[in-house]
PDB file of N, CA and C in Angstrom:
ATOM      1  N   MET A   1      -6.520 -39.736  -6.825  1.00  0.00           N
ATOM      2  CA  MET A   1      -7.545 -39.012  -6.116  1.00  0.00           C
ATOM      3  C   MET A   1      -7.641 -37.777  -7.378  1.00  0.00           C
ATOM      4  N   GLY A   2      -8.608 -37.232  -7.634  1.00  0.00           N
ATOM      5  CA  GLY A   2      -8.601 -36.172  -8.692  1.00  0.00           C
ATOM      6  C   GLY A   2      -8.642 -34.626  -8.145  1.00  0.00           C
ATOM      7  N   GLU A   3      -8.751 -34.147  -9.121  1.00  0.00           N
ATOM      8  CA  GLU A   3      -8.227 -32.232  -8.602  1.00  0.00           C
ATOM      9  C   GLU A   3      -9.446 -32.000  -7.893  1.00  0.00           C
ATOM     10  N   THR A   4     -10.501 -32.097  -7.975  1.00  0.00           N
ATOM     11  CA  THR A   4     -11.724 -31.742  -7.135  1.00  0.00           C
ATOM     12  C   THR A   4     -11.397 -32.073  -5.994  1.00  0.00           C
ATOM     13  N   GLU A   5     -11.151 -33.312  -5.573  1.00  0.00           N
ATOM     14  CA  GLU A   5     -11.205 -33.779  -4.353  1.00  0.00           C
ATOM     15  C   GLU A   5      -9.876 -33.666  -3.651  1.00  0.00           C
ATOM     16  N   MET A   6      -8.884 -33.533  -4.397  1.00  0.00           N
ATOM     17  CA  MET A   6      -7.647 -32.667  -3.442  1.00  0.00           C
ATOM     18  C   MET A   6      -7.789 -31.515  -3.169  1.00  0.00           C
ATOM     19  N   LEU A   7      -8.616 -30.674  -3.896  1.00  0.00           N
ATOM     20  CA  LEU A   7      -8.924 -29.360  -3.580  1.00  0.00           C
ATOM     21  C   LEU A   7     -10.075 -29.149  -2.178  1.00  0.00           C
ATOM     22  N   THR A   8     -10.885 -29.982  -2.611  1.00  0.00           N
ATOM     23  CA  THR A   8     -11.749 -30.370  -1.451  1.00  0.00           C
ATOM     24  C   THR A   8     -11.273 -30.733   0.064  1.00  0.00           C
ATOM     25  N   GLU A   9     -10.461 -31.474   0.048  1.00  0.00           N
ATOM     26  CA  GLU A   9      -9.451 -32.027   1.114  1.00  0.00           C
ATOM     27  C   GLU A   9      -8.848 -30.922   1.850  1.00  0.00           C
ATOM     28  N   TYR A  10      -8.094 -30.230   0.535  1.00  0.00           N
ATOM     29  CA  TYR A  10      -7.285 -29.388   1.263  1.00  0.00           C
ATOM     30  C   TYR A  10      -7.839 -28.264   1.886  1.00  0.00           C
ATOM     31  N   ILE A  11      -9.029 -27.823   1.490  1.00  0.00           N
ATOM     32  CA  ILE A  11     -10.009 -26.630   2.083  1.00  0.00           C
ATOM     33  C   ILE A  11     -10.570 -27.275   3.479  1.00  0.00           C
ATOM     34  N   ALA A  12     -11.052 -28.863   3.592  1.00  0.00           N
ATOM     35  CA  ALA A  12     -11.605 -29.061   4.457  1.00  0.00           C
ATOM     36  C   ALA A  12     -10.736 -28.907   5.968  1.00  0.00           C
ATOM     37  N   ARG A  13      -9.590 -29.280   5.533  1.00  0.00           N
ATOM     38  CA  ARG A  13      -8.387 -29.234   6.624  1.00  0.00           C
ATOM     39  C   ARG A  13      -7.646 -28.221   6.858  1.00  0.00           C
ATOM     40  N   ALA A  14      -8.054 -27.053   5.852  1.00  0.00           N
ATOM     41  CA  ALA A  14      -7.082 -25.500   5.838  1.00  0.00           C
ATOM     42  C   ALA A  14      -7.579 -24.801   7.210  1.00  0.00           C
ATOM     43  N   LYS A  15      -6.434 -24.167   7.937  1.00  0.00           N
ATOM     44  CA  LYS A  15      -6.692 -23.354   8.739  1.00  0.00           C
ATOM     45  C   LYS A  15      -6.709 -21.783   8.832  1.00  0.00           C
ATOM     46  N   TYR A  16      -7.254 -21.050   9.224  1.00  0.00           N
ATOM     47  CA  TYR A  16      -6.865 -19.271   8.949  1.00  0.00           C
ATOM     48  C   TYR A  16      -5.576 -19.309   9.141  1.00  0.00           C
ATOM     49  N   GLU A  17      -5.006 -19.919   9.814  1.00  0.00           N
ATOM     50  CA  GLU A  17      -3.261 -19.551   9.857  1.00  0.00           C
ATOM     51  C   GLU A  17      -2.648 -20.207   8.817  1.00  0.00           C
ATOM     52  N   ASP A  18      -3.528 -21.043   7.898  1.00  0.00           N
ATOM     53  CA  ASP A  18      -2.694 -21.551   6.733  1.00  0.00           C
ATOM     54  C   ASP A  18      -2.816 -20.786   5.775  1.00  0.00           C
ATOM     55  N   LEU A  19      -3.810 -19.797   5.448  1.00  0.00           N
ATOM     56  CA  LEU A  19      -3.983 -18.773   4.584  1.00  0.00           C
ATOM     57  C   LEU A  19      -2.860 -17.852   4.085  1.00  0.00           C
ATOM     58  N   GLU A  20      -2.682 -17.362   3.268  1.00  0.00           N
ATOM     59  CA  GLU A  20      -1.589 -16.448   2.935  1.00  0.00           C
ATOM     60  C   GLU A  20      -2.570 -15.072   3.200  1.00  0.00           C
ATOM     61  N   VAL A  21      -1.871 -14.133   3.557  1.00  0.00           N
ATOM     62  CA  VAL A  21      -2.257 -12.618   3.879  1.00  0.00           C
ATOM     63  C   VAL A  21      -2.648 -12.395   2.731  1.00  0.00           C
ATOM     64  N   ALA A  22      -2.136 -12.381   1.523  1.00  0.00           N
ATOM     65  CA  ALA A  22      -3.071 -11.993   0.394  1.00  0.00           C
ATOM     66  C   ALA A  22      -4.109 -12.605  -0.245  1.00  0.00           C
ATOM     67  N   ALA A  23      -4.294 -13.694   0.021  1.00  0.00           N
ATOM     68  CA  ALA A  23      -5.537 -14.469  -0.067  1.00  0.00           C
ATOM     69  C   ALA A  23      -6.831 -14.023   0.913  1.00  0.00           C
ATOM     70  N   VAL A  24      -6.227 -13.839   2.293  1.00  0.00           N
ATOM     71  CA  VAL A  24      -7.511 -13.102   3.083  1.00  0.00           C
ATOM     72  C   VAL A  24      -7.510 -11.810   2.554  1.00  0.00           C
ATOM     73  N   ASP A  25      -6.772 -10.580   2.274  1.00  0.00           N
ATOM     74  CA  ASP A  25      -7.197  -9.603   1.557  1.00  0.00           C
ATOM     75  C   ASP A  25      -7.886  -9.455   0.392  1.00  0.00           C
ATOM     76  N   HIS A  26      -7.671 -10.349  -0.204  1.00  0.00           N
ATOM     77  CA  HIS A  26      -8.318 -10.691  -1.581  1.00  0.00           C
ATOM     78  C   HIS A  26      -9.730 -11.034  -1.218  1.00  0.00           C
ATOM     79  N   ALA A  27     -10.156 -12.034  -0.416  1.00  0.00           N
ATOM     80  CA  ALA A  27     -11.106 -12.365  -0.039  1.00  0.00           C
ATOM     81  C   ALA A  27     -12.406 -11.470   0.635  1.00  0.00           C
ATOM     82  N   LYS A  28     -11.617 -10.239   1.190  1.00  0.00           N
ATOM     83  CA  LYS A  28     -12.543  -9.396   2.089  1.00  0.00           C
ATOM     84  C   LYS A  28     -13.498  -8.823   1.145  1.00  0.00           C
ATOM     85  N   GLU A  29     -13.037  -8.049   0.335  1.00  0.00           N
ATOM     86  CA  GLU A  29     -14.198  -7.194  -0.725  1.00  0.00           C
ATOM     87  C   GLU A  29     -15.043  -8.051  -1.232  1.00  0.00           C
ATOM     88  N   PRO A  30     -15.071  -9.097  -1.677  1.00  0.00           N
ATOM     89  CA  PRO A  30     -16.226  -9.743  -2.373  1.00  0.00           C
ATOM     90  C   PRO A  30     -16.978 -10.430  -1.170  1.00  0.00           C
ATOM     91  N   LEU A  31     -16.248 -10.535   0.084  1.00  0.00           N
ATOM     92  CA  LEU A  31     -17.328 -11.271   1.172  1.00  0.00           C
ATOM     93  C   LEU A  31     -17.909 -10.131   1.698  1.00  0.00           C
ATOM     94  N   ALA A  32     -17.426  -8.772   1.973  1.00  0.00           N
ATOM     95  CA  ALA A  32     -18.058  -7.798   2.322  1.00  0.00           C
ATOM     96  C   ALA A  32     -19.289  -7.119   1.521  1.00  0.00           C
ATOM     97  N   ASP A  33     -18.890  -7.137   0.183  1.00  0.00           N
ATOM     98  CA  ASP A  33     -20.030  -6.871  -1.013  1.00  0.00           C
ATOM     99  C   ASP A  33     -21.181  -7.800  -0.777  1.00  0.00           C
ATOM    100  N   THR A  34     -20.720  -8.906  -0.315  1.00  0.00           N
ATOM    101  CA  THR A  34     -22.178 -10.054  -0.324  1.00  0.00           C
ATOM    102  C   THR A  34     -22.889  -9.677   0.897  1.00  0.00           C
ATOM    103  N   ILE A  35     -21.854  -9.564   2.051  1.00  0.00           N
ATOM    104  CA  ILE A  35     -22.878  -8.936   3.189  1.00  0.00           C
ATOM    105  C   ILE A  35     -23.933  -7.707   2.977  1.00  0.00           C
ATOM    106  N   VAL A  36     -23.096  -6.837   2.302  1.00  0.00           N
ATOM    107  CA  VAL A  36     -24.124  -5.458   2.263  1.00  0.00           C
ATOM    108  C   VAL A  36     -25.019  -5.538   1.286  1.00  0.00           C
ATOM    109  N   CYS A  37     -24.984  -6.594   0.153  1.00  0.00           N
ATOM    110  CA  CYS A  37     -26.124  -6.988  -0.692  1.00  0.00           C
ATOM    111  C   CYS A  37     -27.148  -7.807   0.379  1.00  0.00           C
ATOM    112  N   GLY A  38     -26.846  -8.633   0.727  1.00  0.00           N
ATOM    113  CA  GLY A  38     -27.889  -9.343   1.746  1.00  0.00           C
ATOM    114  C   GLY A  38     -28.252  -8.203   2.402  1.00  0.00           C
ATOM    115  N   LEU A  39     -27.766  -7.579   3.366  1.00  0.00           N
ATOM    116  CA  LEU A  39     -28.630  -6.252   3.970  1.00  0.00           C
ATOM    117  C   LEU A  39     -29.396  -5.382   3.005  1.00  0.00           C
ATOM    118  N   GLY A  40     -29.085  -4.937   2.172  1.00  0.00           N
ATOM    119  CA  GLY A  40     -29.650  -4.230   1.133  1.00  0.00           C
ATOM    120  C   GLY A  40     -30.661  -5.049   1.072  1.00  0.00           C
ATOM    121  N   GLY A  41     -30.920  -6.319   0.624  1.00  0.00           N
ATOM    122  CA  GLY A  41     -32.317  -7.220   0.342  1.00  0.00           C
ATOM    123  C   GLY A  41     -32.976  -7.739   1.223  1.00  0.00           C
ATOM    124  N   ARG A  42     -32.858  -7.212   2.417  1.00  0.00           N
ATOM    125  CA  ARG A  42     -33.560  -7.976   3.503  1.00  0.00           C
ATOM    126  C   ARG A  42     -34.949  -7.457   3.729  1.00  0.00           C
ATOM    127  N   LYS A  43     -34.941  -6.914   2.973  1.00  0.00           N
ATOM    128  CA  LYS A  43     -36.880  -5.886   2.896  1.00  0.00           C
ATOM    129  C   LYS A  43     -37.460  -5.989   1.959  1.00  0.00           C
ATOM    130  N   THR A  44     -36.563  -6.887   0.817  1.00  0.00           N
ATOM    131  CA  THR A  44     -37.405  -7.183  -0.407  1.00  0.00           C
ATOM    132  C   THR A  44     -38.223  -8.095  -0.344  1.00  0.00           C
ATOM    133  N   LEU A  45     -39.452  -8.404  -1.324  1.00  0.00           N
ATOM    134  CA  LEU A  45     -40.396  -9.332  -1.202  1.00  0.00           C
ATOM    135  C   LEU A  45     -39.689 -10.687  -1.740  1.00  0.00           C
ATOM    136  N   ASP A  46     -38.531 -10.527  -2.745  1.00  0.00           N
ATOM    137  CA  ASP A  46     -37.843 -11.677  -3.081  1.00  0.00           C
ATOM    138  C   ASP A  46     -37.302 -12.502  -1.984  1.00  0.00           C
ATOM    139  N   ARG A  47     -36.695 -11.767  -0.899  1.00  0.00           N
ATOM    140  CA  ARG A  47     -36.179 -12.359   0.409  1.00  0.00           C
ATOM    141  C   ARG A  47     -36.601 -13.780   0.750  1.00  0.00           C
ATOM    142  N   ASN A  48     -38.238 -13.949   0.609  1.00  0.00           N
ATOM    143  CA  ASN A  48     -38.852 -14.550   1.058  1.00  0.00           C
ATOM    144  C   ASN A  48     -38.604 -16.077   0.078  1.00  0.00           C
ATOM    145  N   ILE A  49     -38.401 -16.051  -0.885  1.00  0.00           N
ATOM    146  CA  ILE A  49     -38.031 -16.968  -1.938  1.00  0.00           C
ATOM    147  C   ILE A  49     -36.910 -17.513  -1.504  1.00  0.00           C
ATOM    148  N   VAL A  50     -35.787 -16.734  -1.195  1.00  0.00           N
ATOM    149  CA  VAL A  50     -34.567 -17.092  -1.075  1.00  0.00           C
ATOM    150  C   VAL A  50     -34.729 -17.887   0.114  1.00  0.00           C
ATOM    151  N   ILE A  51     -35.599 -17.412   1.348  1.00  0.00           N
ATOM    152  CA  ILE A  51     -35.411 -17.942   3.001  1.00  0.00           C
ATOM    153  C   ILE A  51     -35.853 -19.505   2.518  1.00  0.00           C
ATOM    154  N   GLU A  52     -37.242 -19.524   1.992  1.00  0.00           N
ATOM    155  CA  GLU A  52     -37.836 -21.030   1.298  1.00  0.00           C
ATOM    156  C   GLU A  52     -37.018 -21.844   0.992  1.00  0.00           C
ATOM    157  N   ILE A  53     -35.891 -21.478  -0.098  1.00  0.00           N
ATOM    158  CA  ILE A  53     -34.836 -22.455  -1.001  1.00  0.00           C
ATOM    159  C   ILE A  53     -34.238 -22.848   0.113  1.00  0.00           C
ATOM    160  N   MET A  54     -33.792 -21.798   0.882  1.00  0.00           N
ATOM    161  CA  MET A  54     -32.601 -22.209   2.156  1.00  0.00           C
ATOM    162  C   MET A  54     -33.387 -23.447   3.105  1.00  0.00           C
ATOM    163  N   LYS A  55     -34.563 -23.101   3.602  1.00  0.00           N
ATOM    164  CA  LYS A  55     -34.992 -23.843   4.254  1.00  0.00           C
ATOM    165  C   LYS A  55     -35.056 -25.406   3.672  1.00  0.00           C
ATOM    166  N   HIS A  56     -35.553 -25.467   2.336  1.00  0.00           N
ATOM    167  CA  HIS A  56     -35.572 -26.898   1.959  1.00  0.00           C
ATOM    168  C   HIS A  56     -34.275 -27.464   1.775  1.00  0.00           C
ATOM    169  N   THR A  57     -33.277 -26.346   1.475  1.00  0.00           N
ATOM    170  CA  THR A  57     -32.072 -26.928   0.921  1.00  0.00           C
ATOM    171  C   THR A  57     -31.463 -27.678   2.303  1.00  0.00           C
ATOM    172  N   GLY A  58     -31.729 -26.954   3.490  1.00  0.00           N
ATOM    173  CA  GLY A  58     -31.252 -27.215   5.032  1.00  0.00           C
ATOM    174  C   GLY A  58     -29.679 -27.465   4.824  1.00  0.00           C
ATOM    175  N   GLY A  59     -29.056 -28.202   5.599  1.00  0.00           N
ATOM    176  CA  GLY A  59     -27.653 -27.808   5.867  1.00  0.00           C
ATOM    177  C   GLY A  59     -27.632 -28.673   6.981  1.00  0.00           C
ATOM    178  N   ARG A  60     -26.227 -28.803   7.377  1.00  0.00           N
ATOM    179  CA  ARG A  60     -25.602 -29.112   8.841  1.00  0.00           C
ATOM    180  C   ARG A  60     -26.210 -28.059  10.000  1.00  0.00           C
ATOM    181  N   LEU A  61     -26.768 -29.011  11.082  1.00  0.00           N
ATOM    182  CA  LEU A  61     -27.368 -28.246  12.196  1.00  0.00           C
ATOM    183  C   LEU A  61     -26.113 -27.932  12.875  1.00  0.00           C
ATOM    184  N   GLU A  62     -25.662 -26.578  13.466  1.00  0.00           N
ATOM    185  CA  GLU A  62     -24.738 -26.278  13.943  1.00  0.00           C
ATOM    186  C   GLU A  62     -25.064 -25.785  15.647  1.00  0.00           C
ATOM    187  N   ARG A  63     -24.605 -26.502  16.478  1.00  0.00           N
ATOM    188  CA  ARG A  63     -24.787 -26.151  17.844  1.00  0.00           C
ATOM    189  C   ARG A  63     -23.543 -25.485  18.153  1.00  0.00           C
ATOM    190  N   ARG A  64     -24.056 -24.383  19.364  1.00  0.00           N
ATOM    191  CA  ARG A  64     -23.308 -23.289  20.133  1.00  0.00           C
ATOM    192  C   ARG A  64     -23.136 -23.731  21.476  1.00  0.00           C
TER     193      ARG A  64
END
């Protein structure tokens, strides 16, 4: 098994409780930055390009 496969297996099986507090704290700032940038760009013309790319890329349908 290659390193990338080992990493993806670990990530796929990981639970929030498995994460170290320092790792969670470190991830909060870039995640918040991403959300804020997304909100700031929601009314720009370029957002339509991103939305179209996301529609074509698709993904797994999530049910609630």
